[in-house]
Every structure is written in structure tokens, then in C-alpha cells.
């Protein structure tokens, strides 16, 4: 019987949410949380479940990876599965990090699943198999099944298909294959050209990645004369959250007057961000939005002017499309008020 090991975070292990995100790596024999679903679908026995808090993996990466690799040294396993991570950014990066490390150390295939908006996709899709997953845990069984079906092909020595055929993100790997129709490259190329000339649909055999590049801004020549604004994706808002910005998957942003403030006071401002423990930010909102420091710089003449408004939204779970839209809307405001530079603070 083939054997598998499964990696999950503290939330799916039932240990806790953000308050337990610093949970240190642990290995348990048997099934925990999503491992139950995986074990029922995969042609192998999930013998162990590895658990690690998302914050711990993110802030103590080398320590976490080293500890987990030590766990695995005395274990016999044929495949490694992580997640699924959905659109949870830290979880996705954690899954990608440990999958890559396990594959390199033990020379076994490592598979995970993430939503296309997860930052872990671009970071690790060239290193491991990352399947296209849902945005939330509502798609858990579907996402686990995709990973298990592909894992079964590997475990049973069956031929695997392309990224499009199997459902994982393209890895940038090109393989030479014999086509069933035995058409030469020259004939296929001519057929594609004819379709293109006739405005007919065709699929290229050499897709060119689309690069979303932003030109680097010119440096500010003299900060002592510059108008600087504060923008944050850390969810700092007045306590009543007047713009009803969502705590995750945000589609709204807010603009708040700070012209008469020296610092943001606890109880007047807070964070609504659902992606980290809010205790420190609620106790002192300036740790996310450093108004106190910027006012000091203003008094010292390091900057010429601090823009009278700060702009805020939430980054966790927010889609690239919505983030791009909100960013463009905020930029128009900044340009209208002749802002020279922005300090973009996050979490």
C-alpha cells in the first residue's frame, strides 16, 4: 500500500484561528481535518498529518521547514499533499514553501491547491504542482478530489496530461510528445495562420505569459518640499467603520481626514482586517498607519507636507481585479490633490 503525508494549517487542524497562527510544527499519526477527505479519495494511506501555524511558517520559515523535514526523515511516504489553501495568502505561501522543500529533500512529488488570486501561485507554480482551487473552504472536497485524482495517476504510474488537461497552473515546462494525428509542426502552424487570417478561434502551442508591469516612478528630488500621503491595506478605519469596508475580500476603500491629528488614538481608530490578530493595531493604530512618525518628520522638515487624508482598505482575500480598481480610484484622488509620493503600509 502506497503512503501519503498531508500538511495543513492550525485552522483546518481545529486548533484555532488567528490567535493560534504562531503554532509550532507538529506531526500526528493518522488523519486530521481535511486529511479524512483526502484519505477517502487517494490510492494510498495518509499515515501522518503535519500541522503548522501560518504565522510561524511565515515568520520562522527556516526553522519551520527544518523541523518538518526532520519529522519526515523517519517516515516512509510516496507522495506529499498540502492544503488546499483556497485564497488564504499565508496558507498558500506555507503550502508552496513546504511542498518545494519536501520535493527537493526527498525526491517525491508534492501537490497543493490554491485559488488563482493566492500569491503562492506565482511564487511556486514553477516548482510544484498547484491545482486551480476555489476561493473558500466551501470548495474543500472539490479541491481535494482534484489533487487526489492527479496523485492517483502518479502513484499508479499512469500517464499525466498537460496543465490544461489536468487542471494545475502552467509550470513553464515544455515536453516533446507524439501527437495522435501525426501532423507536423509546419502543417499545424499553417492551419493556425489560416484560422487567424479568417478571424477564427485557435489555440497557440506557445503561449506568451502576460506581464502586468508598472513603470518605475521617477525619484522625488527633494523630500523636504514634497507632499506625502499615507495609504494602507491594513484596514485602519474610524471605530464605526463609516464606509463599511469588508474585513476580507474588500470591494470598498475609505478616505479619512488627519489634518488636525498628531497620532491615531486607540478607541477612536481600529483595524477591521481579518487576516491578522488585531490586538496590537487596536491598542496603537500607528503601528499600521504611522501618523505619529510622519508628523515628527513634518516638524523636522524631512517632508514638506503630509497630505490631509489617509486612504484605507483591506488586503486579505481581495481579488487582483478589485485591488486594481481601488488603487486606480485612490490614485486619481492623489493626483487631484497634487500628492508627490505615497507611503503604502501593510501588515
Protein backbone atom coordinates (compact mmCIF):
# COMPACT_ATOMS: atom_id res chain seq x y z
CA UNK A 1 0.00 0.00 0.00
CA UNK A 2 1.35 3.40 -1.02
CA UNK A 3 1.67 6.04 1.70
CA UNK A 4 0.98 9.79 1.78
CA UNK A 5 1.65 12.67 4.17
CA UNK A 6 -0.67 15.66 4.42
CA UNK A 7 0.17 19.24 5.51
CA UNK A 8 -2.49 21.62 6.93
CA UNK A 9 -2.51 24.82 8.98
CA UNK A 10 -3.71 25.42 12.53
CA UNK A 11 -7.21 26.43 11.43
CA UNK A 12 -8.01 23.27 9.48
CA UNK A 13 -6.47 21.18 12.26
CA UNK A 14 -9.13 22.58 14.59
CA UNK A 15 -6.52 24.18 16.86
CA UNK A 16 -7.66 27.77 16.42
CA UNK A 17 -7.74 30.83 14.20
CA UNK A 18 -5.55 33.93 14.26
CA UNK A 19 -4.89 33.57 17.97
CA UNK A 20 -3.10 30.28 17.21
CA UNK A 21 -1.38 31.32 13.98
CA UNK A 22 2.03 31.10 15.71
CA UNK A 23 1.50 27.39 16.41
CA UNK A 24 4.79 25.49 16.03
CA UNK A 25 5.13 22.49 13.68
CA UNK A 26 3.60 19.25 14.89
CA UNK A 27 3.23 15.81 13.34
CA UNK A 28 0.38 13.46 14.20
CA UNK A 29 -0.16 9.88 13.17
CA UNK A 30 -3.39 9.39 11.26
CA UNK A 31 -6.00 11.79 9.93
CA UNK A 32 -6.82 15.34 10.96
CA UNK A 33 -9.44 17.61 9.36
CA UNK A 34 -9.15 17.61 5.52
CA UNK A 35 -6.95 14.51 5.73
CA UNK A 36 -10.14 12.50 6.21
CA UNK A 37 -11.41 13.59 2.79
CA UNK A 38 -8.01 13.07 1.17
CA UNK A 39 -7.65 9.58 2.63
CA UNK A 40 -11.02 8.55 1.18
CA UNK A 41 -10.05 9.63 -2.35
CA UNK A 42 -6.37 8.79 -2.75
CA UNK A 43 -4.93 5.37 -3.67
CA UNK A 44 -2.69 5.50 -0.64
CA UNK A 45 -2.91 5.59 3.13
CA UNK A 46 -2.47 9.03 4.70
CA UNK A 47 -0.28 7.88 7.55
CA UNK A 48 0.63 11.27 9.05
CA UNK A 49 -0.70 14.82 9.19
CA UNK A 50 1.68 17.73 9.68
CA UNK A 51 0.32 20.93 11.24
CA UNK A 52 1.92 24.37 11.38
CA UNK A 53 0.56 27.83 12.12
CA UNK A 54 0.56 30.19 9.15
CA UNK A 55 2.33 32.96 11.05
CA UNK A 56 5.00 30.59 12.33
CA UNK A 57 5.74 29.33 8.84
CA UNK A 58 5.84 32.89 7.54
CA UNK A 59 8.00 34.45 10.25
CA UNK A 60 10.18 31.45 11.18
CA UNK A 61 10.36 29.83 7.74
CA UNK A 62 13.79 28.20 8.02
CA UNK A 63 13.04 26.85 11.50
CA UNK A 64 9.62 25.51 10.46
CA UNK A 65 10.91 23.84 7.29
CA UNK A 66 13.87 22.29 9.10
CA UNK A 67 11.60 20.90 11.83
CA UNK A 68 9.12 19.41 9.35
CA UNK A 69 11.87 17.82 7.26
CA UNK A 70 13.19 16.20 10.43
CA UNK A 71 9.71 14.81 11.11
CA UNK A 72 9.72 13.18 7.69
CA UNK A 73 13.21 11.66 7.82
CA UNK A 74 11.99 8.58 9.68
CA UNK A 75 8.79 8.15 7.70
CA UNK A 76 8.21 6.11 4.55
CA UNK A 77 5.96 8.02 2.13
CA UNK A 78 5.36 8.10 -1.62
CA UNK A 79 3.65 11.47 -2.10
CA UNK A 80 3.18 14.74 -0.20
CA UNK A 81 -0.04 16.76 -0.29
CA UNK A 82 -0.61 20.25 1.20
CA UNK A 83 -3.82 22.20 1.65
CA UNK A 84 -5.97 23.08 -0.21
CA UNK A 85 -5.20 26.72 0.60
CA UNK A 86 -8.02 28.46 -1.33
CA UNK A 87 -7.43 32.26 -1.36
CA UNK A 88 -5.68 32.37 2.03
CA UNK A 89 -2.38 34.06 1.18
CA UNK A 90 -0.25 32.99 4.13
CA UNK A 91 -1.59 29.44 3.94
CA UNK A 92 -0.84 29.29 0.23
CA UNK A 93 2.72 30.52 0.70
CA UNK A 94 3.16 28.00 3.53
CA UNK A 95 1.91 25.13 1.35
CA UNK A 96 4.18 26.16 -1.50
CA UNK A 97 7.18 26.57 0.79
CA UNK A 98 6.91 23.15 2.42
CA UNK A 99 5.98 21.34 -0.81
CA UNK A 100 9.06 22.70 -2.57
CA UNK A 101 11.30 21.79 0.36
CA UNK A 102 9.90 18.25 0.65
CA UNK A 103 10.22 17.61 -3.09
CA UNK A 104 13.84 18.77 -3.11
CA UNK A 105 14.79 16.84 0.03
CA UNK A 106 13.02 13.52 -0.55
CA UNK A 107 12.54 13.46 -4.34
CA UNK A 108 8.80 12.75 -4.12
CA UNK A 109 6.08 14.63 -5.93
CA UNK A 110 4.42 17.36 -3.87
CA UNK A 111 0.96 18.65 -4.74
CA UNK A 112 -1.13 21.53 -3.43
CA UNK A 113 -4.13 23.63 -4.47
CA UNK A 114 -4.82 27.37 -4.41
CA UNK A 115 -7.14 29.94 -5.88
CA UNK A 116 -5.68 31.91 -8.77
CA UNK A 117 -5.60 35.06 -6.61
CA UNK A 118 -3.40 33.41 -3.99
CA UNK A 119 0.14 34.92 -4.01
CA UNK A 120 1.55 31.43 -3.51
CA UNK A 121 0.64 30.55 -7.10
CA UNK A 122 3.14 32.89 -8.77
CA UNK A 123 5.75 32.12 -6.12
CA UNK A 124 5.74 28.33 -6.50
CA UNK A 125 3.93 27.20 -9.68
CA UNK A 126 7.23 26.53 -11.46
CA UNK A 127 8.47 24.29 -8.64
CA UNK A 128 5.46 22.11 -7.78
CA UNK A 129 2.02 21.07 -8.98
CA UNK A 130 -0.52 23.68 -7.85
CA UNK A 131 -4.12 22.89 -8.76
CA UNK A 132 -6.65 25.60 -9.51
CA UNK A 133 -8.87 25.81 -6.44
CA UNK A 134 -11.85 27.65 -5.04
CA UNK A 135 -11.86 30.87 -3.07
CA UNK A 136 -13.07 29.38 0.21
CA UNK A 137 -13.41 26.16 2.20
CA UNK A 138 -16.82 25.62 0.58
CA UNK A 139 -14.81 24.05 -2.27
CA UNK A 140 -12.71 21.83 0.00
CA UNK A 141 -13.95 18.44 -1.24
CA UNK A 142 -13.76 19.52 -4.89
CA UNK A 143 -10.22 20.82 -4.47
CA UNK A 144 -9.08 17.74 -2.55
CA UNK A 145 -10.53 15.49 -5.27
CA UNK A 146 -8.55 17.29 -7.99
CA UNK A 147 -5.33 16.73 -6.07
CA UNK A 148 -6.20 13.13 -5.23
CA UNK A 149 -7.13 12.24 -8.83
CA UNK A 150 -3.79 13.53 -10.08
CA UNK A 151 -1.89 11.92 -7.21
CA UNK A 152 -3.51 8.59 -8.10
CA UNK A 153 -2.10 8.79 -11.62
CA UNK A 154 1.38 9.37 -10.21
CA UNK A 155 1.03 6.64 -7.58
CA UNK A 156 -0.19 4.14 -10.16
CA UNK A 157 2.40 5.04 -12.79
CA UNK A 158 -0.16 6.35 -15.27
CA UNK A 159 0.49 8.98 -17.89
CA UNK A 160 -0.33 12.53 -16.80
CA UNK A 161 -1.59 15.23 -19.12
CA UNK A 162 -0.83 18.89 -19.65
CA UNK A 163 -1.67 21.68 -17.22
CA UNK A 164 -4.88 22.44 -19.12
CA UNK A 165 -5.91 18.80 -19.23
CA UNK A 166 -5.22 18.11 -15.55
CA UNK A 167 -6.22 21.46 -14.05
CA UNK A 168 -2.98 22.71 -12.50
CA UNK A 169 -1.29 26.05 -13.15
CA UNK A 170 1.18 26.10 -16.04
CA UNK A 171 4.71 25.45 -14.85
CA UNK A 172 6.58 26.74 -17.88
CA UNK A 173 7.79 23.23 -18.72
CA UNK A 174 7.60 22.14 -22.37
CA UNK A 175 7.68 18.43 -23.16
CA UNK A 176 8.12 16.78 -26.53
CA UNK A 177 5.20 14.49 -27.34
CA UNK A 178 3.97 12.46 -30.31
CA UNK A 179 0.53 13.65 -31.44
CA UNK A 180 -2.07 11.07 -32.37
CA UNK A 181 -2.91 12.85 -35.65
CA UNK A 182 0.83 12.85 -36.62
CA UNK A 183 0.57 16.37 -38.09
CA UNK A 184 3.91 18.09 -38.50
CA UNK A 185 4.69 21.41 -36.82
CA UNK A 186 4.72 23.07 -40.25
CA UNK A 187 1.19 21.91 -41.05
CA UNK A 188 -0.12 22.88 -37.61
CA UNK A 189 1.48 26.30 -37.96
CA UNK A 190 -0.09 26.90 -41.36
CA UNK A 191 -3.51 25.79 -40.06
CA UNK A 192 -3.25 28.25 -37.18
CA UNK A 193 -2.22 31.05 -39.54
CA UNK A 194 -5.21 30.38 -41.82
CA UNK A 195 -7.56 30.47 -38.82
CA UNK A 196 -6.03 33.73 -37.64
CA UNK A 197 -6.35 35.32 -41.10
CA UNK A 198 -10.02 34.27 -41.19
CA UNK A 199 -10.63 35.60 -37.64
CA UNK A 200 -11.36 32.07 -36.47
CA UNK A 201 -10.59 30.80 -32.98
CA UNK A 202 -7.36 28.87 -32.49
CA UNK A 203 -5.10 27.83 -29.62
CA UNK A 204 -1.39 28.57 -29.84
CA UNK A 205 1.14 25.91 -28.90
CA UNK A 206 3.47 28.56 -27.48
CA UNK A 207 1.51 30.87 -25.16
CA UNK A 208 3.34 34.05 -24.18
CA UNK A 209 2.85 34.99 -20.50
CA UNK A 210 1.14 38.34 -19.98
CA UNK A 211 3.27 40.64 -17.85
CA UNK A 212 1.44 43.20 -15.71
CA UNK A 213 4.29 45.66 -15.44
CA UNK A 214 4.21 49.10 -13.89
CA UNK A 215 6.79 51.70 -14.85
CA UNK A 216 9.09 52.71 -12.01
CA UNK A 217 8.27 56.23 -10.85
CA UNK A 218 10.87 58.98 -11.05
CA UNK A 219 12.57 59.66 -7.70
CA UNK A 220 11.39 62.60 -5.60
CA UNK A 221 14.15 65.17 -5.93
CA UNK A 222 13.57 66.96 -2.63
CA UNK A 223 11.53 65.28 0.12
CA UNK A 224 11.66 68.47 2.20
CA UNK A 225 9.31 70.07 -0.34
CA UNK A 226 7.21 67.00 -1.17
CA UNK A 227 3.55 66.34 -0.37
CA UNK A 228 3.43 62.79 1.05
CA UNK A 229 0.31 60.68 1.62
CA UNK A 230 -0.36 57.56 3.68
CA UNK A 231 -2.22 54.63 2.12
CA UNK A 232 -2.80 51.30 3.85
CA UNK A 233 -4.20 47.86 3.15
CA UNK A 234 -4.08 47.18 6.90
CA UNK A 235 -7.74 48.07 7.47
CA UNK A 236 -7.24 51.09 9.76
CA UNK A 237 -10.54 53.00 9.99
CA UNK A 238 -12.54 55.10 12.48
CA UNK A 239 -14.08 52.70 15.02
CA UNK A 240 -17.54 52.99 13.46
CA UNK A 241 -16.14 51.96 10.03
CA UNK A 242 -18.28 54.57 8.25
CA UNK A 243 -17.58 53.23 4.75
CA UNK A 244 -18.47 49.65 5.74
CA UNK A 245 -15.21 48.30 4.36
CA UNK A 246 -15.26 44.50 4.43
CA UNK A 247 -12.83 42.73 6.77
CA UNK A 248 -11.88 40.34 3.93
CA UNK A 249 -12.37 40.28 0.14
CA UNK A 250 -12.76 44.04 0.21
CA UNK A 251 -14.51 45.97 -2.55
CA UNK A 252 -14.54 49.35 -0.74
CA UNK A 253 -11.98 51.87 0.47
CA UNK A 254 -12.16 54.88 2.76
CA UNK A 255 -10.68 58.38 2.95
CA UNK A 256 -10.18 59.97 6.38
CA UNK A 257 -9.09 63.45 7.48
CA UNK A 258 -5.98 63.51 9.70
CA UNK A 259 -5.03 67.17 9.21
CA UNK A 260 -5.67 68.09 12.85
CA UNK A 261 -4.29 64.90 14.43
CA UNK A 262 -0.84 64.21 15.84
CA UNK A 263 -1.42 60.47 16.13
CA UNK A 264 -4.21 57.89 15.81
CA UNK A 265 -5.75 57.16 19.19
CA UNK A 266 -6.90 53.73 20.34
CA UNK A 267 -10.67 53.64 20.72
CA UNK A 268 -11.03 56.26 18.00
CA UNK A 269 -9.38 54.22 15.26
CA UNK A 270 -9.05 50.44 14.89
CA UNK A 271 -8.31 47.77 12.30
CA UNK A 272 -11.06 45.75 10.65
CA UNK A 273 -8.57 43.45 8.90
CA UNK A 274 -9.49 39.76 9.33
CA UNK A 275 -6.10 38.41 8.29
CA UNK A 276 -4.08 39.05 11.45
CA UNK A 277 -4.50 39.37 15.21
CA UNK A 278 -5.86 42.94 15.68
CA UNK A 279 -4.76 43.38 19.32
CA UNK A 280 -1.58 45.41 18.66
CA UNK A 281 -3.16 47.58 15.96
CA UNK A 282 -6.25 48.29 18.07
CA UNK A 283 -4.07 49.21 21.05
CA UNK A 284 -1.99 51.56 18.88
CA UNK A 285 -3.26 52.11 15.30
CA UNK A 286 0.00 53.94 14.50
CA UNK A 287 1.84 50.59 14.25
CA UNK A 288 -0.04 50.06 10.98
CA UNK A 289 -0.55 53.67 9.89
CA UNK A 290 2.46 55.64 11.27
CA UNK A 291 0.85 59.06 11.56
CA UNK A 292 2.88 59.84 14.70
CA UNK A 293 6.19 59.30 12.91
CA UNK A 294 5.10 61.24 9.82
CA UNK A 295 4.14 64.21 11.99
CA UNK A 296 7.62 64.11 13.55
CA UNK A 297 9.17 64.09 10.07
CA UNK A 298 6.99 67.07 9.17
CA UNK A 299 8.16 69.05 12.22
CA UNK A 300 11.78 68.15 11.48
CA UNK A 301 11.43 69.31 7.88
CA UNK A 302 12.17 65.89 6.41
CA UNK A 303 8.98 66.16 4.34
CA UNK A 304 7.35 69.32 3.10
CA UNK A 305 3.73 68.39 3.69
CA UNK A 306 1.65 65.48 4.95
CA UNK A 307 -1.49 65.01 2.88
CA UNK A 308 -4.58 65.81 4.96
CA UNK A 309 -6.25 62.44 4.23
CA UNK A 310 -5.18 58.83 4.59
CA UNK A 311 -6.70 56.08 2.45
CA UNK A 312 -7.51 52.61 3.72
CA UNK A 313 -8.82 49.24 2.62
CA UNK A 314 -8.21 45.55 3.43
CA UNK A 315 -5.85 43.28 1.50
CA UNK A 316 -6.72 39.81 2.76
CA UNK A 317 -8.72 37.82 0.21
CA UNK A 318 -9.14 40.89 -2.00
CA UNK A 319 -9.03 39.93 -5.66
CA UNK A 320 -6.49 41.40 -8.02
CA UNK A 321 -9.31 42.91 -10.07
CA UNK A 322 -10.82 44.74 -7.11
CA UNK A 323 -7.42 45.81 -5.79
CA UNK A 324 -6.51 47.23 -9.18
CA UNK A 325 -9.79 49.14 -9.42
CA UNK A 326 -9.50 50.60 -5.92
CA UNK A 327 -5.86 51.51 -6.49
CA UNK A 328 -6.72 53.44 -9.64
CA UNK A 329 -9.55 55.27 -7.86
CA UNK A 330 -7.27 56.29 -4.99
CA UNK A 331 -4.54 57.40 -7.41
CA UNK A 332 -6.98 59.77 -9.10
CA UNK A 333 -7.68 61.37 -5.71
CA UNK A 334 -3.97 61.70 -5.01
CA UNK A 335 -3.21 63.22 -8.40
CA UNK A 336 -6.05 65.71 -7.99
CA UNK A 337 -4.55 66.85 -4.67
CA UNK A 338 -1.05 67.07 -6.17
CA UNK A 339 0.49 64.39 -3.94
CA UNK A 340 4.15 63.77 -4.81
CA UNK A 341 4.66 60.42 -3.10
CA UNK A 342 2.88 57.67 -1.17
CA UNK A 343 3.94 55.52 1.74
CA UNK A 344 1.97 52.29 1.25
CA UNK A 345 1.84 50.48 4.57
CA UNK A 346 0.50 46.98 5.06
CA UNK A 347 0.56 44.41 7.88
